[in-house]
Amino acid sequence: MRALVTPPCMTVTFALLLMLTLVPAGCSTFSGKAEARTDKQTQVMEFLDAGKPKAALTTADDLVAESPDDYRNYLLRNAVQIVLRDYALARADNDKALEVFEATKTRYPEKEWNLRLARIHESMALTALIASRRAPDEAERKRLEGVCEQEAAQVKALDEDTWNHLRGMTGDRLNQDKGSQGDGGQAKDAQ
């Protein structure tokens, strides 16, 4: 019997996606309470775990159709799009997540706004980073790496813990101030 070997790039991509999808689907650090994951969010994850990304996409599409005003559904669908290597649609879902969050953020406690916004920018940074590895040419790769850096800077300005999480997920590939330990929480207190 032949053992299946997962290419290293898929292992890294899947690990990044798993971490990304845990954020909108229930693994929360907000006030120490985890947000409940819906049955459909769980089903998306189960389809991805089973290697059925098209079924996961169908379910994620249903989630977006049922709750178009929940930015987390767009982040979840973004992760599925990345597995399917449709980076343009993945970026579009990130953009929509940001738009929806900005329109609906008053439904969340104000103290959570920066963290939630940082998680959206974290998704944007990771999407750009993963897409850069599949870029058709050097110029596009550099452009996407620049997008990743810009989004990472947004994350850093919004929430230090999310910034550290992003740095860990990217293998600390992001440019950083070697002498800086972050902004000391100033960005969190700005709102």
Protein backbone atom coordinates (compact mmCIF):
# COMPACT_ATOMS: atom_id res chain seq x y z
CA MET A 1 0.00 0.00 0.00
CA ARG A 2 1.35 3.38 -1.04
CA ALA A 3 1.38 6.18 1.52
CA LEU A 4 -0.05 9.53 0.48
CA VAL A 5 2.41 12.37 0.71
CA THR A 6 1.12 15.90 1.02
CA PRO A 7 3.30 18.46 -0.77
CA PRO A 8 4.90 20.84 1.77
CA CYS A 9 3.27 23.89 0.16
CA MET A 10 -0.18 22.35 0.67
CA THR A 11 0.60 21.55 4.29
CA VAL A 12 1.59 25.15 4.97
CA THR A 13 -1.38 26.49 3.01
CA PHE A 14 -3.79 24.20 4.82
CA ALA A 15 -2.34 25.14 8.21
CA LEU A 16 -2.71 28.83 7.40
CA LEU A 17 -6.26 28.29 6.23
CA LEU A 18 -7.18 26.31 9.28
CA MET A 19 -5.92 29.09 11.52
CA LEU A 20 -7.72 31.67 9.40
CA THR A 21 -11.03 29.87 9.48
CA LEU A 22 -10.90 29.34 13.23
CA VAL A 23 -11.06 33.09 13.69
CA PRO A 24 -14.43 33.84 12.11
CA ALA A 25 -15.94 30.49 12.95
CA GLY A 26 -15.69 30.40 16.68
CA CYS A 27 -12.17 30.59 18.09
CA SER A 28 -12.39 34.02 19.66
CA THR A 29 -10.32 35.88 22.18
CA PHE A 30 -13.01 38.52 22.64
CA SER A 31 -13.66 38.89 26.35
CA GLY A 32 -12.41 35.35 26.89
CA LYS A 33 -15.60 33.93 25.32
CA ALA A 34 -15.67 31.89 22.14
CA GLU A 35 -18.36 32.71 19.64
CA ALA A 36 -20.57 29.78 18.82
CA ARG A 37 -19.96 28.16 15.46
CA THR A 38 -23.08 27.56 13.39
CA ASP A 39 -23.89 24.15 11.95
CA LYS A 40 -23.08 25.38 8.46
CA GLN A 41 -19.76 26.88 9.55
CA THR A 42 -18.90 23.53 11.10
CA GLN A 43 -20.01 21.80 7.92
CA VAL A 44 -17.69 23.99 5.82
CA MET A 45 -14.78 22.98 8.03
CA GLU A 46 -15.76 19.30 7.86
CA PHE A 47 -15.89 19.44 4.05
CA LEU A 48 -12.44 21.06 3.96
CA ASP A 49 -11.07 18.46 6.38
CA ALA A 50 -12.51 15.71 4.15
CA GLY A 51 -10.85 17.19 1.05
CA LYS A 52 -14.14 18.36 -0.47
CA PRO A 53 -13.56 22.06 -1.16
CA LYS A 54 -16.35 22.35 -3.75
CA ALA A 55 -18.89 21.10 -1.21
CA ALA A 56 -17.37 23.52 1.30
CA LEU A 57 -17.81 26.35 -1.20
CA THR A 58 -21.45 25.48 -1.80
CA THR A 59 -22.10 25.57 1.94
CA ALA A 60 -20.11 28.80 2.37
CA ASP A 61 -22.13 30.35 -0.46
CA ASP A 62 -25.30 29.33 1.38
CA LEU A 63 -23.99 30.98 4.55
CA VAL A 64 -23.32 34.24 2.72
CA ALA A 65 -26.75 34.12 1.06
CA GLU A 66 -28.49 33.47 4.39
CA SER A 67 -26.55 36.11 6.35
CA PRO A 68 -25.02 38.64 3.97
CA ASP A 69 -24.60 41.09 6.85
CA ASP A 70 -22.20 38.81 8.78
CA TYR A 71 -18.63 39.62 7.77
CA ARG A 72 -17.36 36.33 9.23
CA ASN A 73 -19.13 34.35 6.52
CA TYR A 74 -17.10 36.16 3.86
CA LEU A 75 -13.89 35.36 5.74
CA LEU A 76 -14.87 31.71 5.89
CA ARG A 77 -15.67 31.62 2.18
CA ASN A 78 -12.33 33.38 1.56
CA ALA A 79 -10.56 30.40 3.11
CA VAL A 80 -12.42 28.01 0.82
CA GLN A 81 -11.53 30.13 -2.22
CA ILE A 82 -7.87 29.91 -1.24
CA VAL A 83 -8.05 26.13 -1.08
CA LEU A 84 -9.59 26.24 -4.56
CA ARG A 85 -6.78 28.62 -5.61
CA ASP A 86 -9.20 31.28 -6.77
CA TYR A 87 -7.28 34.19 -5.31
CA ALA A 88 -9.29 36.89 -7.08
CA LEU A 89 -12.52 35.68 -5.46
CA ALA A 90 -10.70 35.22 -2.15
CA ARG A 91 -9.58 38.86 -2.27
CA ALA A 92 -13.12 39.93 -3.21
CA ASP A 93 -14.47 38.11 -0.14
CA ASN A 94 -11.94 39.90 2.06
CA ASP A 95 -12.99 43.25 0.59
CA LYS A 96 -16.65 42.40 1.17
CA ALA A 97 -15.91 41.30 4.75
CA LEU A 98 -14.34 44.70 5.42
CA GLU A 99 -17.26 46.53 3.79
CA VAL A 100 -19.83 44.53 5.76
CA PHE A 101 -17.95 44.93 9.05
CA GLU A 102 -17.71 48.71 8.60
CA ALA A 103 -21.46 48.85 7.90
CA THR A 104 -22.43 46.65 10.85
CA LYS A 105 -19.73 47.17 13.49
CA THR A 106 -22.13 48.85 15.91
CA ARG A 107 -23.68 45.44 16.61
CA TYR A 108 -20.40 44.49 18.34
CA PRO A 109 -19.00 46.05 21.52
CA GLU A 110 -16.75 48.98 20.65
CA LYS A 111 -13.86 47.43 22.57
CA GLU A 112 -13.86 44.57 20.00
CA TRP A 113 -13.75 46.74 16.87
CA ASN A 114 -9.98 46.90 16.54
CA LEU A 115 -9.55 43.18 17.10
CA ARG A 116 -12.25 42.27 14.58
CA LEU A 117 -10.84 44.71 12.05
CA ALA A 118 -7.33 43.35 12.65
CA ARG A 119 -8.60 39.84 11.89
CA ILE A 120 -10.00 41.02 8.56
CA HIS A 121 -6.69 42.65 7.65
CA GLU A 122 -4.90 39.50 8.80
CA SER A 123 -6.99 37.53 6.30
CA MET A 124 -6.12 40.07 3.60
CA ALA A 125 -2.41 39.76 4.38
CA LEU A 126 -2.46 35.97 4.30
CA THR A 127 -4.49 35.88 1.10
CA ALA A 128 -1.94 38.14 -0.60
CA LEU A 129 0.96 36.09 0.75
CA ILE A 130 -0.48 32.78 -0.42
CA ALA A 131 -1.43 34.26 -3.81
CA SER A 132 2.09 35.65 -4.20
CA ARG A 133 3.48 32.11 -4.09
CA ARG A 134 1.36 31.26 -7.14
CA ALA A 135 1.94 34.52 -9.02
CA PRO A 136 2.53 34.08 -12.76
CA ASP A 137 5.52 36.43 -12.82
CA GLU A 138 8.01 38.24 -10.63
CA ALA A 139 6.26 41.63 -10.89
CA GLU A 140 2.94 40.22 -9.68
CA ARG A 141 4.69 38.31 -6.88
CA LYS A 142 6.35 41.53 -5.68
CA ARG A 143 3.06 43.44 -5.91
CA LEU A 144 1.25 40.83 -3.80
CA GLU A 145 4.07 40.75 -1.26
CA GLY A 146 3.69 44.53 -1.01
CA VAL A 147 -0.04 44.13 -0.39
CA CYS A 148 0.77 41.60 2.31
CA GLU A 149 3.16 44.06 3.97
CA GLN A 150 0.58 46.88 3.84
CA GLU A 151 -2.14 44.71 5.36
CA ALA A 152 0.28 43.42 8.00
CA ALA A 153 1.04 47.03 8.94
CA GLN A 154 -2.69 47.59 9.43
CA VAL A 155 -2.86 44.54 11.68
CA LYS A 156 0.10 45.77 13.70
CA ALA A 157 -1.53 49.19 14.18
CA LEU A 158 -4.84 47.65 15.27
CA ASP A 159 -3.99 44.77 17.58
CA GLU A 160 -0.64 43.52 18.84
CA ASP A 161 -1.85 39.98 19.63
CA THR A 162 -3.23 39.54 16.12
CA TRP A 163 0.02 40.97 14.74
CA ASN A 164 2.01 38.39 16.69
CA HIS A 165 -0.37 35.66 15.48
CA LEU A 166 0.14 36.79 11.88
CA ARG A 167 3.90 36.85 12.30
CA GLY A 168 3.80 33.30 13.66
CA MET A 169 1.59 32.07 10.82
CA THR A 170 3.88 33.57 8.20
CA GLY A 171 7.02 32.21 9.79
CA ASP A 172 7.91 35.79 10.76
CA ARG A 173 8.50 36.66 7.07
CA LEU A 174 7.00 40.11 7.54
CA ASN A 175 9.18 43.17 7.78
CA GLN A 176 9.29 44.41 11.31
CA ASP A 177 11.07 46.87 13.53
CA LYS A 178 13.63 44.71 15.31
CA GLY A 179 13.76 47.03 18.31
CA SER A 180 10.01 47.49 18.60
CA GLN A 181 7.68 45.43 20.73
CA GLY A 182 4.59 46.96 19.16
CA ASP A 183 2.83 50.18 20.00
CA GLY A 184 2.29 49.40 23.65
CA GLY A 185 -1.44 49.14 23.11
CA GLN A 186 -1.79 52.73 21.86
CA ALA A 187 -3.69 51.63 18.75
CA LYS A 188 -6.16 49.71 20.90
CA ASP A 189 -6.80 52.77 23.04
CA ALA A 190 -7.15 55.15 20.09
CA GLN A 191 -10.86 54.45 19.69
